[in-house]
Structure formats: structure tokens, C-alpha cells
C-alpha atoms as a PDB file:
ATOM      1  CA  MET A   1      -3.245 -15.081   9.462  1.00  0.00           C
ATOM      2  CA  LYS A   2      -0.569 -11.967   9.831  1.00  0.00           C
ATOM      3  CA  LEU A   3       2.534 -13.445   8.512  1.00  0.00           C
ATOM      4  CA  PRO A   4       5.651 -11.241  10.067  1.00  0.00           C
ATOM      5  CA  LYS A   5       7.641  -9.766   7.091  1.00  0.00           C
ATOM      6  CA  HIS A   6      10.461 -11.739   6.290  1.00  0.00           C
ATOM      7  CA  GLN A   7       8.017 -14.809   6.006  1.00  0.00           C
ATOM      8  CA  ILE A   8       6.648 -13.476   2.635  1.00  0.00           C
ATOM      9  CA  THR A   9       9.780 -12.118   1.881  1.00  0.00           C
ATOM     10  CA  GLU A  10      10.501 -16.029   2.049  1.00  0.00           C
ATOM     11  CA  LEU A  11       7.511 -17.114  -0.855  1.00  0.00           C
ATOM     12  CA  SER A  12       8.813 -15.879  -3.594  1.00  0.00           C
ATOM     13  CA  PRO A  13      12.469 -17.657  -4.317  1.00  0.00           C
ATOM     14  CA  LEU A  14      13.658 -14.646  -6.871  1.00  0.00           C
ATOM     15  CA  LYS A  15      13.097 -12.417  -3.148  1.00  0.00           C
ATOM     16  CA  GLY A  16      10.230 -10.209  -4.665  1.00  0.00           C
ATOM     17  CA  PHE A  17       6.740 -10.217  -5.732  1.00  0.00           C
ATOM     18  CA  SER A  18       5.747  -8.386  -8.859  1.00  0.00           C
ATOM     19  CA  VAL A  19       2.428  -7.495  -8.298  1.00  0.00           C
ATOM     20  CA  ILE A  20       0.325  -7.535  -4.020  1.00  0.00           C
ATOM     21  CA  LEU A  21      -3.110  -7.019  -4.272  1.00  0.00           C
ATOM     22  CA  SER A  22      -3.984  -6.237  -1.267  1.00  0.00           C
ATOM     23  CA  ASP A  23      -8.126  -6.250  -0.996  1.00  0.00           C
ATOM     24  CA  MET A  24      -8.502  -5.727   2.678  1.00  0.00           C
ATOM     25  CA  CYS A  25     -11.748  -3.868   3.833  1.00  0.00           C
ATOM     26  CA  PRO A  26     -11.922  -3.220   7.638  1.00  0.00           C
ATOM     27  CA  LEU A  27     -14.999  -4.085   9.776  1.00  0.00           C
ATOM     28  CA  VAL A  28     -18.369  -1.208   8.332  1.00  0.00           C
ATOM     29  CA  SER A  29     -19.479   0.726  11.045  1.00  0.00           C
ATOM     30  CA  GLY A  30     -21.799   2.870   9.425  1.00  0.00           C
ATOM     31  CA  ILE A  31     -19.690   5.815  11.352  1.00  0.00           C
ATOM     32  CA  THR A  32     -18.307   7.021   7.579  1.00  0.00           C
ATOM     33  CA  THR A  33     -14.914   9.161   8.970  1.00  0.00           C
ATOM     34  CA  LYS A  34     -14.324   5.962  11.250  1.00  0.00           C
ATOM     35  CA  ASP A  35     -14.386   3.542   8.121  1.00  0.00           C
ATOM     36  CA  ALA A  36     -12.349   5.950   5.885  1.00  0.00           C
ATOM     37  CA  ALA A  37      -9.730   6.384   8.947  1.00  0.00           C
ATOM     38  CA  LEU A  38      -9.314   2.346   9.188  1.00  0.00           C
ATOM     39  CA  SER A  39      -9.318   2.604   5.793  1.00  0.00           C
ATOM     40  CA  PHE A  40      -6.226   4.417   4.522  1.00  0.00           C
ATOM     41  CA  GLU A  41      -4.474   2.272   7.757  1.00  0.00           C
ATOM     42  CA  LEU A  42      -5.015  -0.349   5.879  1.00  0.00           C
ATOM     43  CA  GLY A  43      -3.402   0.838   2.532  1.00  0.00           C
ATOM     44  CA  VAL A  44      -0.562   1.820   4.683  1.00  0.00           C
ATOM     45  CA  ARG A  45       0.231  -1.194   5.799  1.00  0.00           C
ATOM     46  CA  ALA A  46       0.202  -3.534   2.607  1.00  0.00           C
ATOM     47  CA  LEU A  47       1.873  -0.198   0.971  1.00  0.00           C
ATOM     48  CA  ASP A  48       4.239  -0.228   3.460  1.00  0.00           C
ATOM     49  CA  LEU A  49       5.156  -3.681   3.037  1.00  0.00           C
ATOM     50  CA  ALA A  50       5.626  -3.450  -0.732  1.00  0.00           C
ATOM     51  CA  VAL A  51       7.598  -1.135  -0.412  1.00  0.00           C
ATOM     52  CA  GLY A  52       9.643  -1.028   3.114  1.00  0.00           C
ATOM     53  CA  SER A  53       8.742   1.545   6.039  1.00  0.00           C
ATOM     54  CA  ALA A  54      11.667   3.889   5.235  1.00  0.00           C
ATOM     55  CA  ALA A  55       9.712   4.557   1.325  1.00  0.00           C
ATOM     56  CA  ILE A  56       7.171   5.957   3.216  1.00  0.00           C
ATOM     57  CA  LEU A  57       9.028   8.534   4.950  1.00  0.00           C
ATOM     58  CA  PRO A  58       6.717  12.116   5.620  1.00  0.00           C
ATOM     59  CA  ASP A  59       9.287  13.865   3.557  1.00  0.00           C
ATOM     60  CA  ASP A  60      11.618  13.460   1.648  1.00  0.00           C
ATOM     61  CA  ASP A  61      15.255  14.526   3.901  1.00  0.00           C
ATOM     62  CA  SER A  62      14.533  11.705   6.541  1.00  0.00           C
ATOM     63  CA  ARG A  63      15.107   9.227   4.213  1.00  0.00           C
ATOM     64  CA  GLU A  64      18.705  10.107   3.782  1.00  0.00           C
ATOM     65  CA  GLY A  65      20.763   6.498   4.920  1.00  0.00           C
ATOM     66  CA  GLN A  66      17.601   4.206   4.631  1.00  0.00           C
ATOM     67  CA  PRO A  67      18.187   1.099   2.202  1.00  0.00           C
ATOM     68  CA  ASP A  68      16.897   1.256  -0.921  1.00  0.00           C
ATOM     69  CA  HIS A  69      12.963  -1.329  -1.495  1.00  0.00           C
ATOM     70  CA  SER A  70      14.695  -2.125  -4.466  1.00  0.00           C
ATOM     71  CA  THR A  71      17.595  -3.314  -3.923  1.00  0.00           C
ATOM     72  CA  SER A  72      17.170  -4.563   0.180  1.00  0.00           C
ATOM     73  CA  CYS A  73      15.207  -7.226   1.978  1.00  0.00           C
ATOM     74  CA  SER A  74      16.077  -5.756   5.144  1.00  0.00           C
ATOM     75  CA  ASP A  75      12.705  -5.594   7.190  1.00  0.00           C
ATOM     76  CA  ASN A  76      12.732  -1.961   6.500  1.00  0.00           C
ATOM     77  CA  ALA A  77      12.402  -2.944   2.624  1.00  0.00           C
ATOM     78  CA  GLY A  78       9.612  -3.623   1.134  1.00  0.00           C
ATOM     79  CA  VAL A  79       8.808  -6.979  -0.844  1.00  0.00           C
ATOM     80  CA  LEU A  80       7.754  -5.480  -3.519  1.00  0.00           C
ATOM     81  CA  LYS A  81       9.717  -5.340  -6.577  1.00  0.00           C
ATOM     82  CA  ALA A  82      11.630  -2.734  -8.907  1.00  0.00           C
ATOM     83  CA  GLY A  83       8.772  -1.416 -11.144  1.00  0.00           C
ATOM     84  CA  GLY A  84       6.579  -4.035  -8.918  1.00  0.00           C
ATOM     85  CA  HIS A  85       2.111  -2.607  -9.031  1.00  0.00           C
ATOM     86  CA  LEU A  86       0.424  -2.934  -5.827  1.00  0.00           C
ATOM     87  CA  VAL A  87      -2.714  -2.214  -5.611  1.00  0.00           C
ATOM     88  CA  VAL A  88      -5.004  -1.851  -2.838  1.00  0.00           C
ATOM     89  CA  LYS A  89      -8.779  -0.797  -2.153  1.00  0.00           C
ATOM     90  CA  LEU A  90      -9.551   2.209  -0.467  1.00  0.00           C
ATOM     91  CA  LEU A  91     -12.546   3.656   0.788  1.00  0.00           C
ATOM     92  CA  GLU A  92     -13.722   6.713  -1.233  1.00  0.00           C
ATOM     93  CA  SER A  93     -12.491   9.091   1.647  1.00  0.00           C
ATOM     94  CA  GLU A  94     -10.364  12.694   1.346  1.00  0.00           C
ATOM     95  CA  ASP A  95      -7.686  10.594   3.056  1.00  0.00           C
ATOM     96  CA  ILE A  96      -7.286   8.645  -0.541  1.00  0.00           C
ATOM     97  CA  GLN A  97      -5.455  11.790  -2.099  1.00  0.00           C
ATOM     98  CA  GLU A  98      -2.914  11.702   0.857  1.00  0.00           C
ATOM     99  CA  PHE A  99      -2.288   8.067  -0.053  1.00  0.00           C
ATOM    100  CA  GLY A 100      -1.810   8.767  -3.183  1.00  0.00           C
ATOM    101  CA  ARG A 101       0.293  11.354  -2.429  1.00  0.00           C
ATOM    102  CA  ILE A 102       2.298   9.076  -0.800  1.00  0.00           C
ATOM    103  CA  CYS A 103       2.197   6.832  -3.077  1.00  0.00           C
ATOM    104  CA  LYS A 104       3.429   9.554  -6.209  1.00  0.00           C
ATOM    105  CA  PRO A 105       6.867   9.200  -5.699  1.00  0.00           C
ATOM    106  CA  GLN A 106       7.754   5.287  -4.902  1.00  0.00           C
ATOM    107  CA  PHE A 107       5.494   5.049  -8.249  1.00  0.00           C
ATOM    108  CA  ARG A 108       6.357   5.527 -12.446  1.00  0.00           C
ATOM    109  CA  LYS A 109       2.609   5.828 -12.584  1.00  0.00           C
ATOM    110  CA  ALA A 110      -0.697   6.253  -9.109  1.00  0.00           C
ATOM    111  CA  SER A 111      -4.285   6.748 -10.048  1.00  0.00           C
ATOM    112  CA  TRP A 112      -7.831   6.073  -8.472  1.00  0.00           C
ATOM    113  CA  LEU A 113      -9.931   3.610 -10.632  1.00  0.00           C
ATOM    114  CA  ARG A 114     -12.972   2.641  -9.618  1.00  0.00           C
ATOM    115  CA  PRO A 115     -14.105  -0.993 -11.501  1.00  0.00           C
ATOM    116  CA  LYS A 116     -17.499  -1.241 -13.150  1.00  0.00           C
ATOM    117  CA  ALA A 117     -18.155  -4.229 -10.930  1.00  0.00           C
ATOM    118  CA  THR A 118     -18.538  -2.100  -8.640  1.00  0.00           C
ATOM    119  CA  ARG A 119     -22.020  -1.223  -6.915  1.00  0.00           C
ATOM    120  CA  SER A 120     -23.260   2.316  -7.383  1.00  0.00           C
ATOM    121  CA  SER A 121     -23.608   2.117  -3.332  1.00  0.00           C
ATOM    122  CA  SER A 122     -20.705   1.266  -2.790  1.00  0.00           C
ATOM    123  CA  ARG A 123     -17.737   4.075  -1.674  1.00  0.00           C
ATOM    124  CA  SER A 124     -14.447   1.550  -2.614  1.00  0.00           C
ATOM    125  CA  VAL A 125     -11.607   2.391  -5.179  1.00  0.00           C
ATOM    126  CA  LYS A 126      -8.729   0.706  -6.402  1.00  0.00           C
ATOM    127  CA  VAL A 127      -5.460   2.587  -5.652  1.00  0.00           C
END
């Protein structure tokens, strides 16, 4: 079930969440590049929900005049509070480097984690 962003924002009485955890994974087809691309897209959707589309535009120049996700609750703004945390599961691929590049300006720390409980054959990592 997909909720519009304004309904998700209304779920938090303080109009913002401290943590957003995305454990989404696409239906795996076995085609590595397709599965990785779909996983990346789900990660970008979680990031957009967290910080807003204006915050993840390709370059800083295009963000001039855009609302700051930490103070606004418009549809372009994210639902993550300033200083909040985002955890995203991604399938391991070359795309995770790009995802990290997008995340770094948005957070104090962006790192990769492969939980000990993850099967050795699994390609999933946590960002």
C-alpha cells in the first residue's frame, strides 16, 4: 500500500521522523543488472521520502531557491527531521557507489554495512 507523502507526514505528531528504515527489495529476477537497477530505484525513492526531491537534485547549483528538507513539510520536502537517520537496503552493485555519492551531502555520515546475519550468498547491504 502506497501512502501519499502528506499522509505519511501526518503520522508523525511532531511533523518529522527521527529514523526511516527501508527494507524494500525488488522481486529478484536473477538478472543481476536489472535487479540492481530496481534496488537502486527503491533506494532513491526512500531517500526522496526522507530528504525530499529538491535535496537530491544532481548538482548544488540546481538546488538554489529550493526548500530545505529540515524545515519544510511541502510535497518537495522530506519527512526526516534534521539530524535524523536513514537506513536503506540495497543489492550490492556498482550503483551503490552512486547512491553513496547522492547521500553524502545530505547526512553527516554515510557508510555501508553488511550485517553479520546476512547470508554469504546474499548481495544485500545496508546504507
